Structures are given as structure tokens and as C-alpha cells.
């Protein structure tokens, strides 16, 4: 399945979603934003999909908003529509889909592209990648949940500086700061991403979804609320087929075969 701006390939229970406007560094226009939302919805409802990889085609992961769209009167949907109908729904989908989403950052991630990357569950990048909160450089503020996730990932002071100064952060520094999970050598990047996705697609999917929900709610819960939530979700996880399989495999000293149920 594909369209002009987004590519989708599903194999081995993994959905590979590729941003596909390489001529403009995969920057978003309205068609691309709406297409990504639709494909994320399809992946959420497709029971054969147990992990999702989000990456880009060409030299960039995503350069954020296509400025040609917002500077052309006949194309410009306006910032209210761009935020409420494009980026906010993308971030909401990434966080609410109860399947692991791997951000496989293949090139520069700037502006909204950087913050879409940071919203993923596990973010890996190769050694040539850089992340840029480019908003202030054109008189804007970080959107796409940048002001939400960035200070929680790297701390308030560092996030404030990056948001205001628009510094380019190389992948190795992003890993050191805790902004991303891991840097992978360029020559093995695709192979390592595939291995990671395959591993996650064969883990107990229901448990991963509950982990994701727990982490989402931990961002606003107090300790008592989070303890109660953990109890609720642990009981739910203990009722899955994958839990029964995991325990049986442990006792029988064999590798578990999780089915995502």
C-alpha cells in the first residue's frame, strides 16, 4: 500500500511507514499529514501488525513543515488548522496506539520532524543524524509536543536552551542526553532497525501496549494514582495468553512463542 507522500510495507508483523517527499526533505504538507494519520489508523486496527517502524526516504527523516505551503496564499491552511488537524493528531496517534512504534531516524530531524521522532516509543538514529528545534530560528515556538516531551527527556534547563537557541544536536549527543535510545553505525543501520523491529513484534504485544499506557499516564499522575494504575494493568496483563505462555516457557526452560494475545 502506498500513496505519493507515504509508503507502507507490512511484513513479519511489522508495519514499515516511510515519509516519502525526499525532494523537500520529507517536510509535511496537508496531504502528507492526513495520509500519515490514515496509515497509523490502519496499523492500529490491523491485528497482523505488532510493531511499527517510522522512518524517512532519502537524506532526511523530516524537516518539519513545508514552508512553501504556509507562504503560498493558495495553499496555506493556516496555523490553527495545521496544528489541530495535522500535527496534534499525529502525536496523539503515536502515543495512543497500543503497539510499539520505533522511530528509525535516517537523517536530519528538524522542527516538527524532531518532535514526531521524540514521541515514538523507541528512537534510534545513525551516527550522521542531527536533531534541531528549529522553530525559534524563524520566530516560532516548538509544537508537536516538543515543549512536553523534550524537558521530560533531557531536563528543563537543557530543553529551554535547545528550544530557544535552535542548536543542532548530533546523534551521539542526543543519546548521551537521553533524548534517544541508541545510535547505530550508518553501515548497519537498516539491518539493526529490522532486527529491533522483529524483536519487538515478537514480544507480548498486549503487555507492551499496557506499558505504553502506563508511561503515558505517569507523565501527569501522582505516586498513588500510578500505583493504582499499575495494579489495574498488571491484573489485565496477567489475564493474557502471552503471560501464560511466558510463565510456561520459563518453567520449561524454552523460548516463549508470544502471539500478541
Protein backbone atom coordinates (compact mmCIF):
# COMPACT_ATOMS: atom_id res chain seq x y z
CA UNK A 1 0.00 0.00 0.00
CA UNK A 2 1.33 3.46 -0.84
CA UNK A 3 0.48 6.97 -1.95
CA UNK A 4 2.67 9.79 -3.17
CA UNK A 5 3.80 11.05 0.22
CA UNK A 6 3.75 7.99 2.48
CA UNK A 7 4.86 4.42 1.84
CA UNK A 8 3.62 1.43 3.82
CA UNK A 9 5.06 -2.08 3.77
CA UNK A 10 3.89 -4.83 6.12
CA UNK A 11 5.95 -7.98 6.64
CA UNK A 12 6.71 -10.27 9.57
CA UNK A 13 4.02 -8.50 11.63
CA UNK A 14 5.90 -5.20 11.22
CA UNK A 15 4.50 -2.10 9.52
CA UNK A 16 7.23 -0.01 7.90
CA UNK A 17 5.95 3.54 7.37
CA UNK A 18 8.20 5.76 5.27
CA UNK A 19 7.83 9.52 4.86
CA UNK A 20 8.28 9.94 1.12
CA UNK A 21 8.86 13.51 -0.01
CA UNK A 22 12.65 13.33 -0.28
CA UNK A 23 12.83 16.26 -2.69
CA UNK A 24 11.79 18.55 0.22
CA UNK A 25 13.49 16.52 2.97
CA UNK A 26 10.18 14.84 3.86
CA UNK A 27 8.67 18.09 5.09
CA UNK A 28 4.94 17.93 5.76
CA UNK A 29 2.16 19.36 3.69
CA UNK A 30 -1.52 18.73 4.34
CA UNK A 31 -1.74 15.65 2.13
CA UNK A 32 1.22 14.01 3.83
CA UNK A 33 -0.05 14.79 7.34
CA UNK A 34 -3.52 13.40 6.66
CA UNK A 35 -2.08 10.36 4.89
CA UNK A 36 0.16 9.55 7.86
CA UNK A 37 -2.82 9.74 10.21
CA UNK A 38 -4.82 7.40 7.99
CA UNK A 39 -1.99 4.87 7.76
CA UNK A 40 -1.41 4.96 11.52
CA UNK A 41 -5.13 4.25 11.98
CA UNK A 42 -4.86 1.30 9.59
CA UNK A 43 -1.87 -0.07 11.51
CA UNK A 44 -3.72 0.28 14.79
CA UNK A 45 -6.72 -1.71 13.55
CA UNK A 46 -4.71 -4.34 11.66
CA UNK A 47 -4.31 -7.29 14.02
CA UNK A 48 -1.40 -8.67 12.00
CA UNK A 49 0.68 -5.58 12.83
CA UNK A 50 2.52 -5.95 16.14
CA UNK A 51 5.20 -3.29 15.73
CA UNK A 52 5.56 -0.12 13.66
CA UNK A 53 8.69 1.48 12.22
CA UNK A 54 8.54 5.15 11.23
CA UNK A 55 11.37 6.37 9.02
CA UNK A 56 12.11 8.65 6.06
CA UNK A 57 13.18 8.26 2.46
CA UNK A 58 16.37 9.96 1.30
CA UNK A 59 18.77 12.15 3.22
CA UNK A 60 16.35 13.39 5.88
CA UNK A 61 13.91 11.90 8.35
CA UNK A 62 11.73 15.01 8.31
CA UNK A 63 12.44 18.73 8.06
CA UNK A 64 9.14 19.68 9.70
CA UNK A 65 6.57 21.87 7.99
CA UNK A 66 6.84 22.55 4.26
CA UNK A 67 7.26 26.33 4.34
CA UNK A 68 6.13 26.59 0.72
CA UNK A 69 2.66 25.56 1.90
CA UNK A 70 2.44 28.23 4.60
CA UNK A 71 3.88 31.01 2.40
CA UNK A 72 1.65 30.34 -0.62
CA UNK A 73 -1.77 32.02 -0.14
CA UNK A 74 -3.50 29.45 -2.33
CA UNK A 75 -2.03 26.54 -0.34
CA UNK A 76 -1.77 27.86 3.23
CA UNK A 77 -4.27 26.12 5.54
CA UNK A 78 -3.29 28.43 8.44
CA UNK A 79 -1.50 27.54 11.66
CA UNK A 80 -4.69 26.72 13.57
CA UNK A 81 -5.62 24.03 11.04
CA UNK A 82 -2.01 22.82 10.69
CA UNK A 83 -1.71 22.24 14.43
CA UNK A 84 -5.22 20.99 15.19
CA UNK A 85 -5.65 18.84 12.07
CA UNK A 86 -2.08 17.87 11.14
CA UNK A 87 0.49 17.61 13.92
CA UNK A 88 -1.55 17.26 17.10
CA UNK A 89 -3.50 14.25 15.74
CA UNK A 90 -0.24 12.63 14.57
CA UNK A 91 1.31 12.93 18.05
CA UNK A 92 -1.89 11.69 19.69
CA UNK A 93 -1.97 8.64 17.44
CA UNK A 94 1.70 7.81 18.04
CA UNK A 95 1.18 7.89 21.80
CA UNK A 96 -2.23 6.16 21.89
CA UNK A 97 -1.64 3.22 19.54
CA UNK A 98 -1.15 0.22 21.83
CA UNK A 99 1.70 -1.16 19.76
CA UNK A 100 5.39 -0.24 19.92
CA UNK A 101 6.46 2.46 17.48
CA UNK A 102 10.14 2.64 16.58
CA UNK A 103 11.44 5.95 15.28
CA UNK A 104 14.20 4.92 12.85
CA UNK A 105 15.78 8.30 12.27
CA UNK A 106 17.67 8.09 8.99
CA UNK A 107 18.66 11.74 8.59
CA UNK A 108 18.12 15.23 9.94
CA UNK A 109 15.03 15.64 12.12
CA UNK A 110 14.10 19.29 12.41
CA UNK A 111 11.16 21.23 13.80
CA UNK A 112 8.01 19.14 13.91
CA UNK A 113 10.05 16.28 12.43
CA UNK A 114 12.28 16.24 15.52
CA UNK A 115 9.31 16.20 17.87
CA UNK A 116 7.46 13.49 15.95
CA UNK A 117 10.63 11.43 16.33
CA UNK A 118 10.78 12.06 20.09
CA UNK A 119 7.15 10.98 20.51
CA UNK A 120 7.97 7.44 19.36
CA UNK A 121 8.40 4.66 21.91
CA UNK A 122 11.95 3.69 20.96
CA UNK A 123 14.09 6.10 18.95
CA UNK A 124 17.27 5.03 17.17
CA UNK A 125 19.40 7.04 14.78
CA UNK A 126 22.55 6.51 12.80
CA UNK A 127 25.71 8.42 13.57
CA UNK A 128 25.22 11.09 10.86
CA UNK A 129 21.79 12.20 12.14
CA UNK A 130 21.11 15.50 13.88
CA UNK A 131 18.11 16.89 15.75
CA UNK A 132 17.15 20.57 15.58
CA UNK A 133 14.45 22.52 17.41
CA UNK A 134 14.43 24.96 14.52
CA UNK A 135 11.29 26.89 15.46
CA UNK A 136 12.85 29.92 17.16
CA UNK A 137 15.08 30.49 14.14
CA UNK A 138 12.01 31.61 12.19
CA UNK A 139 10.16 33.22 15.08
CA UNK A 140 8.01 30.30 16.21
CA UNK A 141 7.76 28.06 19.28
CA UNK A 142 8.20 24.26 19.41
CA UNK A 143 4.99 22.42 18.62
CA UNK A 144 4.12 18.75 18.06
CA UNK A 145 4.56 18.21 21.83
CA UNK A 146 8.14 19.47 21.80
CA UNK A 147 7.57 21.53 24.95
CA UNK A 148 6.03 18.44 26.58
CA UNK A 149 8.46 15.64 25.78
CA UNK A 150 11.81 17.44 25.46
CA UNK A 151 12.06 18.72 29.09
CA UNK A 152 10.91 15.33 30.36
CA UNK A 153 13.58 13.57 28.31
CA UNK A 154 16.57 15.82 28.93
CA UNK A 155 15.63 18.21 31.74
CA UNK A 156 14.17 21.70 31.89
CA UNK A 157 17.34 23.78 31.52
CA UNK A 158 18.74 21.90 28.53
CA UNK A 159 15.35 21.80 26.82
CA UNK A 160 14.92 25.53 27.35
CA UNK A 161 18.30 26.24 25.75
CA UNK A 162 17.70 23.96 22.76
CA UNK A 163 14.23 25.40 22.17
CA UNK A 164 15.44 28.99 22.34
CA UNK A 165 18.80 28.66 20.59
CA UNK A 166 17.88 26.09 17.94
CA UNK A 167 21.21 24.25 18.33
CA UNK A 168 21.91 21.28 16.09
CA UNK A 169 22.32 18.20 18.28
CA UNK A 170 24.31 15.30 16.78
CA UNK A 171 23.00 11.78 17.33
CA UNK A 172 25.75 10.83 19.80
CA UNK A 173 24.95 13.84 21.99
CA UNK A 174 21.23 13.08 21.71
CA UNK A 175 21.94 9.60 23.05
CA UNK A 176 24.13 10.96 25.85
CA UNK A 177 21.40 13.41 26.88
CA UNK A 178 18.76 10.68 26.95
CA UNK A 179 16.88 12.21 24.02
CA UNK A 180 17.04 8.94 22.07
CA UNK A 181 17.61 5.29 22.90
CA UNK A 182 20.61 4.37 20.77
CA UNK A 183 22.97 5.42 17.98
CA UNK A 184 23.62 2.76 15.34
CA UNK A 185 26.52 2.80 12.83
CA UNK A 186 25.39 4.01 9.42
CA UNK A 187 26.57 0.89 7.60
CA UNK A 188 24.44 -1.42 9.77
CA UNK A 189 21.52 0.93 10.41
CA UNK A 190 18.87 -0.73 8.25
CA UNK A 191 19.79 -4.23 9.40
CA UNK A 192 19.79 -3.25 13.08
CA UNK A 193 16.45 -1.47 12.76
CA UNK A 194 14.96 -4.59 11.16
CA UNK A 195 16.32 -6.76 13.98
CA UNK A 196 14.93 -4.41 16.63
CA UNK A 197 11.53 -4.28 14.94
CA UNK A 198 11.42 -8.06 14.59
CA UNK A 199 12.29 -8.46 18.27
CA UNK A 200 9.55 -6.06 19.35
CA UNK A 201 6.99 -7.65 17.02
CA UNK A 202 7.62 -10.98 18.75
CA UNK A 203 7.29 -9.69 22.31
CA UNK A 204 3.95 -9.88 24.18
CA UNK A 205 2.09 -7.11 22.35
CA UNK A 206 -0.66 -6.64 24.95
CA UNK A 207 1.93 -6.10 27.68
CA UNK A 208 3.83 -3.59 25.55
CA UNK A 209 0.60 -1.69 24.98
CA UNK A 210 -0.09 -1.60 28.70
CA UNK A 211 3.48 -0.41 29.36
CA UNK A 212 2.89 2.40 26.87
CA UNK A 213 -0.40 3.39 28.53
CA UNK A 214 1.26 3.31 31.96
CA UNK A 215 4.13 5.54 30.84
CA UNK A 216 1.74 7.98 29.17
CA UNK A 217 -0.27 8.40 32.36
CA UNK A 218 2.84 8.60 34.55
CA UNK A 219 3.51 11.99 32.98
CA UNK A 220 0.60 13.50 34.90
CA UNK A 221 -0.20 11.01 37.72
CA UNK A 222 0.95 11.30 41.31
CA UNK A 223 2.51 8.28 43.05
CA UNK A 224 -0.75 6.91 44.47
CA UNK A 225 -2.51 7.23 41.13
CA UNK A 226 0.35 5.47 39.36
CA UNK A 227 0.45 2.61 41.87
CA UNK A 228 -3.27 2.09 41.39
CA UNK A 229 -2.84 2.17 37.63
CA UNK A 230 -0.03 -0.38 37.76
CA UNK A 231 -2.24 -2.69 39.80
CA UNK A 232 -5.05 -2.38 37.27
CA UNK A 233 -2.86 -3.02 34.24
CA UNK A 234 -0.86 -5.80 35.91
CA UNK A 235 -4.07 -7.70 36.57
CA UNK A 236 -5.06 -7.15 32.95
CA UNK A 237 -1.65 -8.35 31.70
CA UNK A 238 -1.85 -11.44 33.93
CA UNK A 239 -5.02 -12.45 32.11
CA UNK A 240 -3.41 -12.61 28.67
CA UNK A 241 -2.43 -15.72 26.75
CA UNK A 242 1.09 -14.33 26.41
CA UNK A 243 1.54 -14.21 30.19
CA UNK A 244 0.54 -17.87 30.44
CA UNK A 245 2.97 -18.68 27.63
CA UNK A 246 5.77 -16.66 29.23
CA UNK A 247 5.42 -18.45 32.56
CA UNK A 248 5.17 -21.87 30.90
CA UNK A 249 8.27 -21.20 28.81
CA UNK A 250 10.20 -20.04 31.87
CA UNK A 251 9.30 -23.20 33.81
CA UNK A 252 10.01 -25.45 30.84
CA UNK A 253 13.30 -23.62 30.11
CA UNK A 254 12.42 -22.85 26.50
CA UNK A 255 11.99 -19.75 24.37
CA UNK A 256 8.45 -18.34 24.60
CA UNK A 257 6.30 -18.03 21.49
CA UNK A 258 4.18 -14.96 22.06
CA UNK A 259 1.11 -14.41 19.87
CA UNK A 260 0.18 -10.90 20.90
CA UNK A 261 -2.95 -12.07 22.72
